[in-house]
Amino acid sequence: MGSTGEKTYRLLALISLLVLASMAASAIHPARAAPLTPRAPISIFGNGELNYTVYPDNGVTSGNGSASNPYIIGGWSITASARADGIHVEQTNASLIIRNVSTQGGNVGSNGIFLSHVTNVVVKDVKISSFNDGISIFLSNATVENSMISSNGLHGASILDGENVNLFNNTITLNTGDGIHSNNYCVNCLLNVTGNTITFNLSGIILQSMNNSFISQNNILTNTQKGIGVYKSTYSLIDLNNITSNEVGVDLGRSTNSLVHHNNFLYNSVQASDNETGRNTWDVGYASGGNYWSDYAGVDHCSGPAQNVCPRSDGIGDTPRIFFNNEDRYPLMQLFVQTVIHDVAVSSVTPSALSVNESQTLSIAVVVKNEGAATENFTLTLYYDSTLIGSQPILPLAPSGSQTVLFNWDTTGVPAGLHTFKATASTVWGEIDVADNTITTGPVEVKIPQATTPTPPPSPPPAQPSTSPDYYLVGGLAVLFIISILAVMTRRTKHRTR
């Protein structure tokens, strides 16, 4: 650090990013798409006021509000006076697109575009400047894309209690407040900030009390305070961003369950801060890795999950990158640029039966797939509950290829009851989509066999009384006695007949 060569590299890197930002801004300049017609600000309350046959001066130029034929507000150049919103839409659920609009304001208590209690609204290819907030989204869901939001007195985009809000491919710059500011206190939230260039604001992105936020593939540079600040929030994903020359790159304050990986941290005064020790993660394990840090002082001589297979470099630093209250266990040694997709996944876990007697063996088929563009080697591991059943190396698996692995689960000693299976494919270097590396399925029941009562042998047939010699003697005498009586009776009969 500090050499002339490094200073030159740093300057060139910063200039290159600024040039890219400038190119992105000019590429989406909406005013160049078509000549715009000057008009007064637009104010719409309710679906009825979107009907331009009834309200011909409402700024709607076409459409009927259906999903296949949305209302269109477009082709306007709007100059708003102080305290007047450029476009104000409230209490609608009809499909509406606001596009190819330029609006400039008086910078006092007003918004370039204000959306309140609306759904099914898309804002695209617009230019907003010199308002209090460039665009405000209140208790609404909306998408803002391919737009220029600049030089506003407070925030570029302000999101208040909005859910399902998307900000895609915008340039948000030179705002006195934050480029994107959200103060939601919502349950689901689902904020997606992807592909934006956010530069020269007070802070780039500030989220307060948000759940389920996705901040990905943005260029966030030269903001006075924070590049990204996430506070009192949970389940934030921050990946694939270039975070350059801000006072603080990423700051997680009282936030939990956040995942920060495959970002490039370049020359921020403080690269990262996290005051919830152990409750957020700054890498996705080995061998996918963590983030690139311009000030990382470690070396890459070894490889493996413990970085103890030496000498064999693997593109990952041998020691963690430690910062305030947390660490990136697998820092990347080079700027991360995703030129080739690396992505493996577990497709299915199928047991041969849904119940099994204890001490029997159950067969489990696990299917893995390579969804990326490079041949990959990785390891498949199967657990019941949190107990290991077995591991199997997958060597190698070609792009679009799949493989079925059979595991045999010996249930000897497994407690009776319901159990789940978890199959995990280890990450591969540079893998971004790690959500599909693990599948949990079940339950499968382990039963204790019922004890069986032995069947008694069949009873012998009743014993027949034995015939003794005395019975034969008595029988014989009885027969002789009967014969004698018959003989006497015969003689008497003959004597009478004479």
Protein backbone atom coordinates (compact mmCIF):
# COMPACT_ATOMS: atom_id res chain seq x y z
CA MET A 1 0.00 0.00 0.00
CA GLY A 2 1.14 3.54 -0.68
CA SER A 3 3.55 2.89 -3.58
CA THR A 4 3.32 5.03 -6.72
CA GLY A 5 2.13 2.03 -8.72
CA GLU A 6 -0.63 1.21 -6.30
CA LYS A 7 -1.78 4.83 -6.14
CA THR A 8 -1.90 4.93 -9.93
CA TYR A 9 -3.87 1.67 -10.02
CA ARG A 10 -6.29 3.03 -7.45
CA LEU A 11 -6.81 6.22 -9.41
CA LEU A 12 -7.31 4.34 -12.67
CA ALA A 13 -9.77 1.96 -11.03
CA LEU A 14 -11.78 4.85 -9.65
CA ILE A 15 -11.73 6.72 -12.95
CA SER A 16 -12.84 3.57 -14.79
CA LEU A 17 -15.78 3.12 -12.45
CA LEU A 18 -16.76 6.77 -12.81
CA VAL A 19 -16.62 6.47 -16.59
CA LEU A 20 -18.81 3.37 -16.41
CA ALA A 21 -21.26 5.25 -14.21
CA SER A 22 -21.31 8.15 -16.65
CA MET A 23 -21.90 5.79 -19.57
CA ALA A 24 -24.72 4.08 -17.70
CA ALA A 25 -26.33 7.42 -16.92
CA SER A 26 -26.19 8.60 -20.52
CA ALA A 27 -27.45 5.26 -21.79
CA ILE A 28 -30.73 5.60 -19.90
CA HIS A 29 -31.24 9.34 -20.48
CA PRO A 30 -35.01 9.34 -21.05
CA ALA A 31 -35.27 12.82 -22.61
CA ARG A 32 -33.43 11.61 -25.72
CA ALA A 33 -35.99 8.93 -26.51
CA ALA A 34 -38.55 11.32 -28.07
CA PRO A 35 -39.54 14.99 -27.93
CA LEU A 36 -41.49 15.71 -24.76
CA THR A 37 -44.58 17.89 -24.49
CA PRO A 38 -44.61 20.46 -21.67
CA ARG A 39 -47.52 20.25 -19.28
CA ALA A 40 -48.62 20.97 -15.72
CA PRO A 41 -48.20 18.47 -12.84
CA ILE A 42 -50.45 15.39 -12.82
CA SER A 43 -52.62 14.38 -9.85
CA ILE A 44 -54.74 11.21 -9.85
CA PHE A 45 -56.85 9.83 -7.01
CA GLY A 46 -58.51 6.46 -7.55
CA ASN A 47 -58.95 4.25 -10.60
CA GLY A 48 -61.73 6.43 -11.94
CA GLU A 49 -59.45 9.41 -12.51
CA LEU A 50 -57.21 7.28 -14.71
CA ASN A 51 -60.01 7.12 -17.31
CA TYR A 52 -58.81 9.68 -19.87
CA THR A 53 -62.12 9.72 -21.72
CA VAL A 54 -63.72 11.15 -18.58
CA TYR A 55 -60.65 13.12 -17.47
CA PRO A 56 -58.96 14.15 -20.71
CA ASP A 57 -56.38 16.33 -18.93
CA ASN A 58 -55.13 13.62 -16.52
CA GLY A 59 -51.95 12.90 -18.49
CA VAL A 60 -53.01 9.37 -19.44
CA THR A 61 -52.44 8.80 -23.15
CA SER A 62 -53.69 5.23 -23.70
CA GLY A 63 -54.73 1.93 -22.14
CA ASN A 64 -57.65 0.61 -20.13
CA GLY A 65 -55.89 -0.43 -16.89
CA SER A 66 -55.81 -4.16 -17.54
CA ALA A 67 -52.62 -6.18 -17.19
CA SER A 68 -52.45 -6.65 -20.97
CA ASN A 69 -53.34 -3.02 -21.78
CA PRO A 70 -52.17 -0.81 -18.89
CA TYR A 71 -52.84 2.87 -18.64
CA ILE A 72 -49.87 4.91 -19.96
CA ILE A 73 -48.70 8.27 -18.68
CA GLY A 74 -45.89 9.31 -20.99
CA GLY A 75 -44.29 11.81 -23.29
CA TRP A 76 -44.46 14.75 -20.87
CA SER A 77 -42.04 17.37 -19.63
CA ILE A 78 -43.34 18.58 -16.26
CA THR A 79 -42.10 21.57 -14.32
CA ALA A 80 -43.61 21.68 -10.85
CA SER A 81 -43.75 24.71 -8.61
CA ALA A 82 -42.72 24.62 -4.96
CA ARG A 83 -44.62 22.05 -2.85
CA ALA A 84 -46.28 20.45 -5.87
CA ASP A 85 -45.50 16.87 -6.88
CA GLY A 86 -44.61 16.30 -10.50
CA ILE A 87 -46.84 13.20 -10.69
CA HIS A 88 -49.08 12.22 -7.77
CA VAL A 89 -50.98 8.90 -7.93
CA GLU A 90 -53.02 7.62 -4.99
CA GLN A 91 -55.46 4.79 -4.19
CA THR A 92 -55.26 2.81 -7.45
CA ASN A 93 -54.90 -0.86 -8.30
CA ALA A 94 -55.25 -0.61 -12.07
CA SER A 95 -52.16 -1.43 -14.13
CA LEU A 96 -50.27 1.79 -14.84
CA ILE A 97 -46.98 2.59 -16.58
CA ILE A 98 -45.32 5.99 -16.18
CA ARG A 99 -42.66 6.25 -18.88
CA ASN A 100 -40.67 8.71 -20.95
CA VAL A 101 -41.32 11.60 -18.59
CA SER A 102 -39.04 14.39 -17.38
CA THR A 103 -40.08 16.27 -14.27
CA GLN A 104 -38.26 19.08 -12.49
CA GLY A 105 -39.38 20.67 -9.26
CA GLY A 106 -39.01 23.51 -6.82
CA ASN A 107 -37.06 21.42 -4.28
CA VAL A 108 -39.31 22.29 -1.32
CA GLY A 109 -41.60 19.69 0.27
CA SER A 110 -42.49 17.95 -2.96
CA ASN A 111 -41.78 14.76 -4.87
CA GLY A 112 -40.93 14.11 -8.46
CA ILE A 113 -43.27 11.11 -8.42
CA PHE A 114 -45.38 10.23 -5.37
CA LEU A 115 -47.11 6.84 -5.20
CA SER A 116 -49.45 6.25 -2.25
CA HIS A 117 -51.56 3.12 -1.64
CA VAL A 118 -51.10 1.90 -5.20
CA THR A 119 -50.36 -1.45 -6.79
CA ASN A 120 -49.37 -2.53 -10.30
CA VAL A 121 -47.37 0.60 -11.10
CA VAL A 122 -44.19 0.65 -13.20
CA VAL A 123 -42.02 3.76 -13.57
CA LYS A 124 -39.48 3.53 -16.37
CA ASP A 125 -37.30 5.78 -18.50
CA VAL A 126 -38.00 8.92 -16.48
CA LYS A 127 -35.81 11.80 -15.37
CA ILE A 128 -36.45 13.38 -11.99
CA SER A 129 -34.50 16.27 -10.46
CA SER A 130 -34.71 19.18 -8.02
CA PHE A 131 -37.46 17.91 -5.74
CA ASN A 132 -37.38 17.14 -2.02
CA ASP A 133 -37.50 13.38 -2.74
CA GLY A 134 -37.06 12.19 -6.28
CA ILE A 135 -39.59 9.38 -5.97
CA SER A 136 -41.58 8.41 -2.86
CA ILE A 137 -43.35 5.07 -2.52
CA PHE A 138 -45.77 4.95 0.43
CA LEU A 139 -47.72 1.81 1.40
CA SER A 140 -47.44 0.60 -2.17
CA ASN A 141 -45.70 -1.88 -4.42
CA ALA A 142 -44.03 -0.58 -7.53
CA THR A 143 -41.10 -1.01 -9.93
CA VAL A 144 -38.76 1.82 -10.92
CA GLU A 145 -36.32 1.05 -13.72
CA ASN A 146 -33.96 2.60 -16.26
CA SER A 147 -34.38 6.09 -14.81
CA MET A 148 -32.20 9.05 -13.79
CA ILE A 149 -32.90 10.43 -10.32
CA SER A 150 -30.55 13.28 -9.43
CA SER A 151 -29.95 16.51 -7.55
CA ASN A 152 -32.86 16.26 -5.12
CA GLY A 153 -32.86 18.05 -1.78
CA LEU A 154 -33.32 14.90 0.28
CA HIS A 155 -33.40 11.32 -1.01
CA GLY A 156 -33.31 9.99 -4.53
CA ALA A 157 -35.82 7.21 -3.78
CA SER A 158 -37.72 7.13 -0.49
CA ILE A 159 -39.65 4.00 0.46
CA LEU A 160 -42.08 4.29 3.36
CA ASP A 161 -43.92 1.11 4.35
CA GLY A 162 -43.66 -0.26 0.84
CA GLU A 163 -43.71 -3.99 0.09
CA ASN A 164 -42.63 -5.66 -3.15
CA VAL A 165 -40.66 -2.65 -4.37
CA ASN A 166 -38.13 -3.10 -7.19
CA LEU A 167 -35.42 -0.62 -8.22
CA PHE A 168 -33.68 -1.85 -11.37
CA ASN A 169 -30.93 -0.29 -13.52
CA ASN A 170 -31.35 3.30 -12.37
CA THR A 171 -28.75 6.02 -11.97
CA ILE A 172 -29.23 7.77 -8.63
CA THR A 173 -26.75 10.57 -8.07
CA LEU A 174 -26.01 13.93 -6.48
CA ASN A 175 -28.88 13.78 -3.99
CA THR A 176 -28.32 15.69 -0.75
CA GLY A 177 -29.68 12.79 1.29
CA ASP A 178 -29.42 9.08 0.54
CA GLY A 179 -29.61 7.60 -2.90
CA ILE A 180 -32.14 5.03 -1.66
CA HIS A 181 -33.69 5.41 1.77
CA SER A 182 -36.19 3.00 3.28
CA ASN A 183 -37.87 3.23 6.66
CA ASN A 184 -40.44 0.49 6.44
CA TYR A 185 -41.37 -1.28 9.66
CA CYS A 186 -42.97 -3.87 7.41
CA VAL A 187 -43.27 -7.65 7.80
CA ASN A 188 -42.39 -9.05 4.36
CA CYS A 189 -40.94 -5.95 2.65
CA LEU A 190 -39.27 -7.71 -0.31
CA LEU A 191 -37.14 -4.83 -1.55
CA ASN A 192 -35.03 -5.62 -4.61
CA VAL A 193 -32.27 -3.15 -5.54
CA THR A 194 -30.41 -4.54 -8.56
CA GLY A 195 -28.17 -3.12 -11.27
CA ASN A 196 -28.19 0.52 -10.15
CA THR A 197 -25.40 3.10 -10.21
CA ILE A 198 -25.56 5.06 -6.94
CA THR A 199 -22.96 7.76 -6.55
CA PHE A 200 -22.21 11.16 -4.94
CA ASN A 201 -25.09 11.02 -2.44
CA LEU A 202 -24.92 11.42 1.34
CA SER A 203 -25.13 7.61 1.56
CA GLY A 204 -25.78 5.13 -1.18
CA ILE A 205 -28.42 2.80 0.30
CA ILE A 206 -29.84 3.10 3.82
CA LEU A 207 -32.41 0.55 5.01
CA GLN A 208 -34.17 0.77 8.37
CA SER A 209 -36.32 -2.01 9.85
CA MET A 210 -36.49 -4.03 6.65
CA ASN A 211 -36.99 -7.73 6.08
CA ASN A 212 -36.07 -9.70 2.96
CA SER A 213 -33.96 -7.18 1.04
CA PHE A 214 -31.89 -8.01 -2.04
CA ILE A 215 -29.04 -5.65 -2.95
CA SER A 216 -27.19 -7.02 -5.94
CA GLN A 217 -25.04 -6.00 -8.91
CA ASN A 218 -24.96 -2.29 -8.05
CA ASN A 219 -22.11 0.18 -8.50
CA ILE A 220 -22.04 2.15 -5.24
CA LEU A 221 -19.26 4.69 -5.18
CA THR A 222 -18.07 7.98 -3.75
CA ASN A 223 -20.94 8.53 -1.33
CA THR A 224 -20.03 10.78 1.57
CA GLN A 225 -21.01 8.41 4.37
CA LYS A 226 -22.16 4.83 3.88
CA GLY A 227 -22.11 2.81 0.72
CA ILE A 228 -24.72 0.42 2.16
CA GLY A 229 -26.17 0.72 5.66
CA VAL A 230 -28.66 -1.86 6.94
CA TYR A 231 -30.08 -1.25 10.42
CA LYS A 232 -32.51 -3.15 12.68
CA SER A 233 -33.26 -5.45 9.77
CA THR A 234 -33.15 -9.13 8.99
CA TYR A 235 -32.62 -11.42 6.01
CA SER A 236 -30.67 -9.07 3.76
CA LEU A 237 -28.67 -10.43 0.82
CA ILE A 238 -25.84 -8.20 -0.39
CA ASP A 239 -23.88 -9.67 -3.30
CA LEU A 240 -22.10 -8.84 -6.56
CA ASN A 241 -21.80 -5.13 -5.79
CA ASN A 242 -18.83 -2.85 -6.49
CA ILE A 243 -18.55 -0.73 -3.32
CA THR A 244 -15.92 1.93 -3.88
CA SER A 245 -14.52 4.98 -2.10
CA ASN A 246 -17.28 5.52 0.44
CA GLU A 247 -16.62 6.47 4.06
CA VAL A 248 -17.94 3.03 5.12
CA GLY A 249 -18.46 0.28 2.57
CA VAL A 250 -21.13 -1.84 4.30
CA ASP A 251 -22.44 -1.22 7.81
CA LEU A 252 -24.73 -3.74 9.51
CA GLY A 253 -26.14 -2.25 12.70
CA ARG A 254 -28.42 -4.35 14.91
CA SER A 255 -29.20 -6.48 11.87
CA THR A 256 -29.25 -10.26 11.77
CA ASN A 257 -29.35 -13.12 9.26
CA SER A 258 -27.68 -11.02 6.57
CA LEU A 259 -25.46 -12.63 3.93
CA VAL A 260 -22.71 -10.55 2.30
CA HIS A 261 -20.63 -12.24 -0.40
CA HIS A 262 -18.89 -11.78 -3.75
CA ASN A 263 -18.75 -8.02 -3.47
CA ASN A 264 -15.70 -5.94 -4.36
CA PHE A 265 -14.74 -3.64 -1.47
CA LEU A 266 -12.47 -1.02 -3.02
CA TYR A 267 -10.73 1.73 -1.06
CA ASN A 268 -13.51 2.59 1.38
CA SER A 269 -12.14 4.40 4.44
CA VAL A 270 -13.77 1.69 6.58
CA GLN A 271 -14.46 -1.34 4.44
CA ALA A 272 -17.09 -2.98 6.65
CA SER A 273 -18.64 -2.97 10.10
CA ASP A 274 -21.01 -5.40 11.83
CA ASN A 275 -22.04 -4.98 15.47
CA GLU A 276 -23.93 -8.30 15.71
CA THR A 277 -21.04 -10.72 16.20
CA GLY A 278 -21.73 -14.09 14.65
CA ARG A 279 -25.28 -13.26 13.57
CA ASN A 280 -24.46 -12.31 9.97
CA THR A 281 -22.35 -14.13 7.39
CA TRP A 282 -19.73 -12.58 5.10
CA ASP A 283 -18.95 -15.56 2.86
CA VAL A 284 -20.71 -18.64 1.50
CA GLY A 285 -18.14 -21.15 2.63
CA TYR A 286 -15.48 -23.07 0.82
CA ALA A 287 -14.90 -23.17 -2.09
CA SER A 288 -17.26 -20.45 -3.30
CA GLY A 289 -15.60 -17.84 -1.10
CA GLY A 290 -16.44 -14.45 0.31
CA ASN A 291 -15.57 -10.95 -0.93
CA TYR A 292 -12.65 -9.13 -2.50
CA TRP A 293 -10.98 -6.56 -0.22
CA SER A 294 -8.57 -4.05 -1.72
CA ASP A 295 -6.67 -3.83 1.58
CA TYR A 296 -6.39 -7.56 2.30
CA ALA A 297 -2.81 -8.25 3.36
CA GLY A 298 -2.93 -12.05 3.35
CA VAL A 299 -1.39 -14.54 0.91
CA ASP A 300 -2.66 -17.55 -1.03
CA HIS A 301 -0.28 -20.48 -0.67
CA CYS A 302 -2.76 -23.15 0.48
CA SER A 303 -6.23 -24.52 -0.20
CA GLY A 304 -9.00 -26.52 1.41
CA PRO A 305 -11.73 -25.62 3.94
CA ALA A 306 -9.06 -25.15 6.62
CA GLN A 307 -6.57 -23.65 4.12
CA ASN A 308 -4.03 -26.26 5.20
CA VAL A 309 -3.40 -28.14 1.94
CA CYS A 310 -0.04 -26.66 1.01
CA PRO A 311 1.45 -25.66 -1.26
CA ARG A 312 -1.66 -25.36 -3.49
CA SER A 313 -3.27 -21.96 -4.07
CA ASP A 314 -7.00 -21.74 -4.75
CA GLY A 315 -7.79 -18.05 -5.27
CA ILE A 316 -8.81 -17.67 -1.62
CA GLY A 317 -6.71 -16.04 1.08
CA ASP A 318 -5.14 -18.38 3.60
CA THR A 319 -6.30 -16.26 6.54
CA PRO A 320 -9.64 -14.53 7.21
CA ARG A 321 -10.20 -10.85 6.51
CA ILE A 322 -11.12 -9.58 10.00
CA PHE A 323 -13.02 -6.32 10.53
CA PHE A 324 -15.25 -4.75 13.19
CA ASN A 325 -16.95 -7.63 15.06
CA ASN A 326 -16.93 -10.13 12.20
CA GLU A 327 -14.80 -11.74 9.50
CA ASP A 328 -14.78 -12.98 5.94
CA ARG A 329 -13.39 -16.51 6.34
CA TYR A 330 -12.57 -16.97 2.65
CA PRO A 331 -11.51 -13.60 1.14
CA LEU A 332 -11.05 -13.59 -2.61
CA MET A 333 -7.60 -12.77 -3.92
CA GLN A 334 -8.77 -11.03 -7.11
CA LEU A 335 -11.58 -8.67 -8.11
CA PHE A 336 -14.64 -10.79 -8.61
CA VAL A 337 -16.07 -10.59 -12.11
CA GLN A 338 -18.61 -13.24 -12.98
CA THR A 339 -17.66 -14.16 -16.54
CA VAL A 340 -18.55 -17.86 -16.18
CA ILE A 341 -21.53 -19.05 -14.18
CA HIS A 342 -20.62 -21.59 -11.50
CA ASP A 343 -23.71 -23.21 -10.01
CA VAL A 344 -24.39 -26.68 -8.64
CA ALA A 345 -27.66 -27.73 -7.05
CA VAL A 346 -29.49 -30.55 -5.29
CA SER A 347 -32.55 -31.32 -7.40
CA SER A 348 -34.39 -33.89 -5.29
CA VAL A 349 -34.18 -36.21 -2.29
CA THR A 350 -36.40 -39.29 -2.53
CA PRO A 351 -36.56 -42.02 0.15
CA SER A 352 -37.67 -45.47 -0.98
CA ALA A 353 -40.42 -45.48 1.68
CA LEU A 354 -42.03 -43.08 4.13
CA SER A 355 -41.68 -45.41 7.10
CA VAL A 356 -39.17 -48.00 8.21
CA ASN A 357 -38.76 -50.28 11.20
CA GLU A 358 -35.86 -49.50 13.49
CA SER A 359 -32.73 -51.51 12.58
CA GLN A 360 -33.81 -51.83 8.96
CA THR A 361 -32.04 -50.02 6.09
CA LEU A 362 -33.77 -47.40 3.94
CA SER A 363 -32.53 -46.39 0.48
CA ILE A 364 -32.46 -42.66 -0.36
CA ALA A 365 -31.91 -41.33 -3.90
CA VAL A 366 -30.39 -37.84 -4.20
CA VAL A 367 -30.19 -36.09 -7.58
CA VAL A 368 -27.60 -33.34 -8.13
CA LYS A 369 -27.30 -31.09 -11.18
CA ASN A 370 -24.72 -28.73 -12.66
CA GLU A 371 -26.68 -25.59 -13.58
CA GLY A 372 -23.59 -23.61 -14.48
CA ALA A 373 -21.31 -23.33 -17.50
CA ALA A 374 -18.17 -25.09 -16.21
CA THR A 375 -17.42 -28.70 -15.28
CA GLU A 376 -17.44 -28.97 -11.49
CA ASN A 377 -16.14 -31.28 -8.76
CA PHE A 378 -17.91 -31.11 -5.42
CA THR A 379 -19.14 -33.19 -2.48
CA LEU A 380 -22.68 -34.33 -1.73
CA THR A 381 -23.54 -34.90 1.94
CA LEU A 382 -26.74 -36.35 3.39
CA TYR A 383 -28.02 -35.96 6.96
CA TYR A 384 -31.02 -37.15 8.89
CA ASP A 385 -32.00 -34.29 11.16
CA SER A 386 -28.47 -33.03 11.99
CA THR A 387 -26.77 -36.44 12.02
CA LEU A 388 -24.51 -37.48 9.15
CA ILE A 389 -25.61 -40.39 6.99
CA GLY A 390 -22.78 -40.17 4.46
CA SER A 391 -20.86 -38.14 1.86
CA GLN A 392 -20.15 -38.83 -1.79
CA PRO A 393 -17.67 -37.01 -4.09
CA ILE A 394 -19.13 -35.90 -7.44
CA LEU A 395 -16.24 -36.12 -9.93
CA PRO A 396 -16.66 -34.42 -12.39
CA LEU A 397 -20.10 -33.15 -13.48
CA ALA A 398 -20.41 -31.45 -16.86
CA PRO A 399 -22.63 -28.40 -17.49
CA SER A 400 -26.35 -29.35 -17.60
CA GLY A 401 -25.40 -32.82 -16.35
CA SER A 402 -27.10 -34.58 -13.47
CA GLN A 403 -26.22 -37.56 -11.31
CA THR A 404 -28.24 -39.77 -8.96
CA VAL A 405 -26.51 -40.92 -5.79
CA LEU A 406 -27.95 -43.69 -3.60
CA PHE A 407 -27.44 -43.60 0.15
CA ASN A 408 -28.34 -46.45 2.50
CA TRP A 409 -29.59 -45.33 5.90
CA ASP A 410 -29.06 -47.91 8.62
CA THR A 411 -31.69 -47.05 11.25
CA THR A 412 -30.11 -49.11 14.02
CA GLY A 413 -30.20 -46.93 17.12
CA VAL A 414 -32.22 -44.16 15.43
CA PRO A 415 -34.92 -42.89 17.81
CA ALA A 416 -38.48 -43.78 16.90
CA GLY A 417 -40.51 -40.93 15.43
CA LEU A 418 -40.45 -38.53 12.49
CA HIS A 419 -37.14 -37.50 10.90
CA THR A 420 -36.16 -35.21 8.02
CA PHE A 421 -33.39 -35.54 5.43
CA LYS A 422 -31.06 -32.72 4.40
CA ALA A 423 -28.87 -33.07 1.31
CA THR A 424 -26.13 -30.47 0.74
CA ALA A 425 -23.89 -29.95 -2.27
CA SER A 426 -20.69 -28.15 -1.31
CA THR A 427 -20.23 -24.80 -3.00
CA VAL A 428 -17.85 -24.44 -5.93
CA TRP A 429 -15.51 -21.50 -6.46
CA GLY A 430 -17.33 -18.34 -7.48
CA GLU A 431 -20.79 -19.80 -6.95
CA ILE A 432 -23.39 -17.11 -6.31
CA ASP A 433 -26.70 -18.94 -6.17
CA VAL A 434 -26.19 -21.06 -3.07
CA ALA A 435 -29.84 -21.31 -2.02
CA ASP A 436 -30.39 -24.44 -4.14
CA ASN A 437 -27.32 -26.23 -2.78
CA THR A 438 -29.41 -27.64 0.05
CA ILE A 439 -32.76 -29.45 0.10
CA THR A 440 -34.61 -30.60 3.21
CA THR A 441 -37.37 -33.17 2.82
CA GLY A 442 -39.48 -35.51 4.90
CA PRO A 443 -40.70 -36.58 7.29
CA VAL A 444 -39.91 -40.29 7.32
CA GLU A 445 -41.11 -42.32 10.29
CA VAL A 446 -38.93 -44.78 12.15
CA LYS A 447 -41.07 -47.36 13.94
CA ILE A 448 -40.30 -49.77 16.74
CA PRO A 449 -41.51 -53.22 15.62
CA GLN A 450 -44.39 -54.56 17.71
CA ALA A 451 -43.40 -57.47 19.96
CA THR A 452 -45.16 -60.67 18.76
CA THR A 453 -46.60 -63.36 21.13
CA PRO A 454 -45.35 -66.85 20.11
CA THR A 455 -48.12 -68.99 18.64
CA PRO A 456 -48.66 -72.05 20.84
CA PRO A 457 -48.34 -75.43 19.11
CA PRO A 458 -51.65 -76.95 18.07
CA SER A 459 -53.33 -79.03 20.76
CA PRO A 460 -53.12 -82.78 20.16
CA PRO A 461 -56.41 -84.47 19.24
CA PRO A 462 -58.37 -85.76 22.23
CA ALA A 463 -57.03 -89.07 23.37
CA GLN A 464 -59.32 -91.97 22.42
CA PRO A 465 -60.10 -94.25 25.33
CA SER A 466 -58.10 -97.42 25.10
CA THR A 467 -59.94 -100.76 24.84
CA SER A 468 -58.73 -103.17 27.52
CA PRO A 469 -59.01 -107.01 27.29
CA ASP A 470 -61.77 -106.94 29.98
CA TYR A 471 -64.01 -105.01 27.61
CA TYR A 472 -63.57 -107.69 24.96
CA LEU A 473 -64.38 -110.43 27.50
CA VAL A 474 -67.53 -108.72 28.75
CA GLY A 475 -68.62 -108.02 25.18
CA GLY A 476 -68.12 -111.65 24.19
CA LEU A 477 -70.14 -112.94 27.16
CA ALA A 478 -72.94 -110.53 26.36
CA VAL A 479 -73.07 -111.80 22.80
CA LEU A 480 -73.18 -115.43 23.98
CA PHE A 481 -75.94 -114.57 26.47
CA ILE A 482 -78.04 -112.95 23.72
CA ILE A 483 -77.49 -115.94 21.42
CA SER A 484 -78.54 -118.33 24.19
CA ILE A 485 -81.78 -116.44 24.82
CA LEU A 486 -82.56 -116.41 21.12
CA ALA A 487 -81.96 -120.21 20.93
CA VAL A 488 -84.30 -120.89 23.88
CA MET A 489 -87.03 -118.73 22.39
CA THR A 490 -86.67 -120.54 19.05
CA ARG A 491 -87.12 -123.97 20.66
CA ARG A 492 -90.22 -122.87 22.58
CA THR A 493 -91.73 -121.52 19.41
CA LYS A 494 -91.19 -124.83 17.60
CA HIS A 495 -92.60 -126.84 20.53
CA ARG A 496 -95.85 -124.83 20.47
CA THR A 497 -96.37 -125.35 16.82
CA ARG A 498 -96.42 -129.07 17.27
